[in-house]
Every structure is written in C-alpha cells, then in structure tokens.
C-alpha cells in the first residue's frame, strides 16, 4: 500500500511537471510565432517600398531621356531662326541658359538615380542595415528626387520660351 502511495505521489509529481513544462513551451512558442509574424509584415512592407522605389527610378530615367531629347530638338529649332546675327546671338543666349539648366537637371537626375540605386541595394540586403537608417535614407532620396523633378520643371519652362 505504501508503494502504491509513493507511486501515485510520484506520478502526480511527474504529471504536474510535464503539464507546467508543456504550458511554458506553448507560451514560448506563441511569443516566437508573434515575433515571426511581425518580421513577415515588415518584410512585406519593405518589399512594397522596394517596388515603389524601382518605379520611381524608371520614371526618373524616362524623364532624363525625354529632357535630353527635347533639349536637342529645341536647340535644332532655335538654330534655324531668322537673321544669322540675331539668330546666332539668340541661339547662344538660349543655348547657355538651356545648357546650364540641362546641366542642373542632368546632375540632379543622375544623383536621384544613383541614390535610388543605392536605396535598392540597401532594401535588397535589409538585414545588414539599421531599419531607421534605411528609412531616413529613403526620405533623403525622395527629397533629392523631388528637387530633381523641380529642376526638370524649370528646364521645361526654359525650353518653352
């Protein structure tokens, strides 16, 4: 009878230990699962940012190509204006303004493209960089590209004259 009581007490002790261990593992597993879901959401968000940045990069390259073609077309049109002396002076003045504006646009769009390429590199290897630093850099890139777009708008105004 004593042996049965000892066995019963031992079985209850082992059962309680196993129940507590199982409960702790379930809690631990739920915490890991929650953290994994958070990381998955963050990866999805960064993938969306990467896609948006890629689209901006394509748009910036298209703007650069359009601006370059338009500069060439307008320079050719202006070269064919009336009186040679007046036309030459007008052409030189125009060419200087357009060249300066085009230089600003080319530099700004080039910087934008380079920065977006660097951002794509950062987003492609997210684990190697601090998320806050990448977001700050993305904001800086957006500002840089916005400035490039403004410079392009100013060039387009100059080209319309």
Protein backbone atom coordinates (compact mmCIF):
# COMPACT_ATOMS: atom_id res chain seq x y z
CA UNK A 1 0.00 0.00 0.00
CA UNK A 2 2.86 2.39 0.81
CA UNK A 3 4.44 1.52 -2.52
CA UNK A 4 1.22 2.45 -4.33
CA UNK A 5 1.01 5.73 -2.43
CA UNK A 6 4.63 6.56 -3.35
CA UNK A 7 3.97 5.62 -6.98
CA UNK A 8 0.78 7.72 -7.02
CA UNK A 9 2.61 10.71 -5.48
CA UNK A 10 5.48 10.25 -7.95
CA UNK A 11 3.07 10.02 -10.89
CA UNK A 12 1.27 13.19 -9.76
CA UNK A 13 4.60 14.99 -9.40
CA UNK A 14 5.78 13.92 -12.86
CA UNK A 15 2.36 14.76 -14.37
CA UNK A 16 2.41 18.24 -12.79
CA UNK A 17 5.96 18.83 -14.01
CA UNK A 18 5.04 17.77 -17.56
CA UNK A 19 1.90 19.93 -17.52
CA UNK A 20 3.89 23.03 -16.39
CA UNK A 21 6.63 22.35 -18.96
CA UNK A 22 4.05 21.99 -21.75
CA UNK A 23 2.34 25.24 -20.74
CA UNK A 24 5.65 27.13 -20.73
CA UNK A 25 6.58 25.74 -24.16
CA UNK A 26 3.17 26.76 -25.53
CA UNK A 27 3.66 30.31 -24.23
CA UNK A 28 7.20 30.43 -25.60
CA UNK A 29 6.02 29.10 -28.96
CA UNK A 30 3.23 31.72 -29.15
CA UNK A 31 5.72 34.51 -28.45
CA UNK A 32 8.06 33.29 -31.23
CA UNK A 33 5.16 32.97 -33.64
CA UNK A 34 4.04 36.52 -32.87
CA UNK A 35 7.55 37.84 -33.44
CA UNK A 36 7.83 35.91 -36.72
CA UNK A 37 4.55 37.42 -37.94
CA UNK A 38 5.87 40.89 -37.11
CA UNK A 39 9.00 40.23 -39.17
CA UNK A 40 6.90 38.90 -42.05
CA UNK A 41 4.79 42.08 -42.01
CA UNK A 42 7.95 44.22 -42.03
CA UNK A 43 9.40 42.27 -44.97
CA UNK A 44 6.14 42.76 -46.91
CA UNK A 45 6.27 46.50 -46.18
CA UNK A 46 9.91 46.75 -47.32
CA UNK A 47 9.12 44.80 -50.49
CA UNK A 48 6.37 47.31 -51.29
CA UNK A 49 8.85 50.17 -50.69
CA UNK A 50 11.35 48.48 -52.99
CA UNK A 51 8.76 48.18 -55.75
CA UNK A 52 7.83 51.85 -55.38
CA UNK A 53 11.48 52.88 -55.48
CA UNK A 54 12.02 50.81 -58.63
CA UNK A 55 9.07 52.57 -60.27
CA UNK A 56 10.48 55.99 -59.31
CA UNK A 57 13.86 55.02 -60.74
CA UNK A 58 12.30 54.05 -64.07
CA UNK A 59 10.32 57.31 -64.14
CA UNK A 60 13.44 59.36 -63.40
CA UNK A 61 15.35 57.67 -66.22
CA UNK A 62 12.46 58.30 -68.61
CA UNK A 63 12.36 61.98 -67.59
CA UNK A 64 16.08 62.27 -68.21
CA UNK A 65 15.77 60.72 -71.68
CA UNK A 66 12.79 62.96 -72.54
CA UNK A 67 14.55 66.09 -71.32
CA UNK A 68 17.69 65.25 -73.29
CA UNK A 69 15.72 64.60 -76.49
CA UNK A 70 13.70 67.78 -76.00
CA UNK A 71 16.86 69.84 -75.47
CA UNK A 72 18.30 68.54 -78.73
CA UNK A 73 15.07 69.18 -80.64
CA UNK A 74 14.70 72.71 -79.33
CA UNK A 75 18.35 73.52 -79.90
CA UNK A 76 17.92 72.43 -83.52
CA UNK A 77 14.77 74.51 -83.92
CA UNK A 78 16.35 77.59 -82.43
CA UNK A 79 19.41 77.21 -84.66
CA UNK A 80 17.21 77.73 -87.72
CA UNK A 81 15.82 81.13 -86.66
CA UNK A 82 15.77 84.18 -89.00
CA UNK A 83 18.68 86.63 -89.27
CA UNK A 84 22.04 84.98 -88.73
CA UNK A 85 23.48 87.56 -86.35
CA UNK A 86 20.32 87.97 -84.29
CA UNK A 87 19.61 84.27 -84.51
CA UNK A 88 23.18 83.45 -83.56
CA UNK A 89 23.06 85.73 -80.52
CA UNK A 90 19.66 84.43 -79.52
CA UNK A 91 20.86 80.90 -80.05
CA UNK A 92 23.96 81.45 -77.94
CA UNK A 93 21.96 83.02 -75.12
CA UNK A 94 19.37 80.31 -75.33
CA UNK A 95 21.99 77.58 -75.55
CA UNK A 96 23.76 78.94 -72.49
CA UNK A 97 20.54 79.04 -70.44
CA UNK A 98 19.44 75.63 -71.64
CA UNK A 99 22.88 74.15 -71.14
CA UNK A 100 23.03 75.47 -67.59
CA UNK A 101 19.52 74.23 -66.85
CA UNK A 102 20.24 70.90 -68.56
CA UNK A 103 23.43 70.54 -66.54
CA UNK A 104 21.49 71.10 -63.33
CA UNK A 105 18.78 68.64 -64.41
CA UNK A 106 21.27 66.04 -65.58
CA UNK A 107 23.24 66.26 -62.35
CA UNK A 108 20.10 66.24 -60.20
CA UNK A 109 18.51 63.31 -62.05
CA UNK A 110 21.83 61.45 -62.04
CA UNK A 111 22.11 61.96 -58.29
CA UNK A 112 18.50 60.81 -57.91
CA UNK A 113 19.13 57.69 -59.97
CA UNK A 114 22.35 56.92 -58.07
CA UNK A 115 20.65 57.42 -54.70
CA UNK A 116 17.71 55.24 -55.72
CA UNK A 117 20.09 52.53 -56.89
CA UNK A 118 21.86 52.70 -53.52
CA UNK A 119 18.48 52.54 -51.75
CA UNK A 120 17.56 49.46 -53.78
CA UNK A 121 20.85 47.89 -52.68
CA UNK A 122 20.03 48.66 -49.05
CA UNK A 123 16.49 47.31 -49.37
CA UNK A 124 17.79 44.19 -51.10
CA UNK A 125 20.01 43.39 -48.09
CA UNK A 126 17.83 44.72 -45.26
CA UNK A 127 19.39 42.53 -42.61
CA UNK A 128 22.74 44.29 -42.93
CA UNK A 129 21.40 47.79 -42.25
CA UNK A 130 19.54 49.54 -39.45
CA UNK A 131 15.87 49.96 -40.46
CA UNK A 132 15.72 53.55 -39.14
CA UNK A 133 18.83 54.50 -41.15
CA UNK A 134 17.32 52.98 -44.30
CA UNK A 135 14.08 54.90 -43.78
CA UNK A 136 15.99 58.16 -43.25
CA UNK A 137 17.98 57.49 -46.40
CA UNK A 138 14.75 56.72 -48.30
CA UNK A 139 13.35 60.07 -47.15
CA UNK A 140 16.56 61.81 -48.27
CA UNK A 141 16.32 60.09 -51.66
CA UNK A 142 12.72 61.22 -52.03
CA UNK A 143 13.75 64.81 -51.27
CA UNK A 144 16.65 64.60 -53.72
CA UNK A 145 14.40 63.24 -56.48
CA UNK A 146 11.76 65.88 -55.75
CA UNK A 147 14.45 68.55 -56.23
CA UNK A 148 15.49 66.90 -59.49
CA UNK A 149 11.88 66.98 -60.65
CA UNK A 150 11.67 70.69 -59.81
CA UNK A 151 14.87 71.34 -61.74
CA UNK A 152 13.36 69.45 -64.67
CA UNK A 153 10.20 71.58 -64.45
CA UNK A 154 12.33 74.72 -64.55
CA UNK A 155 14.17 73.38 -67.60
CA UNK A 156 10.86 72.65 -69.32
CA UNK A 157 9.76 76.26 -68.65
CA UNK A 158 13.02 77.50 -70.12
CA UNK A 159 12.53 75.28 -73.15
CA UNK A 160 9.03 76.66 -73.74
CA UNK A 161 10.36 80.20 -74.11
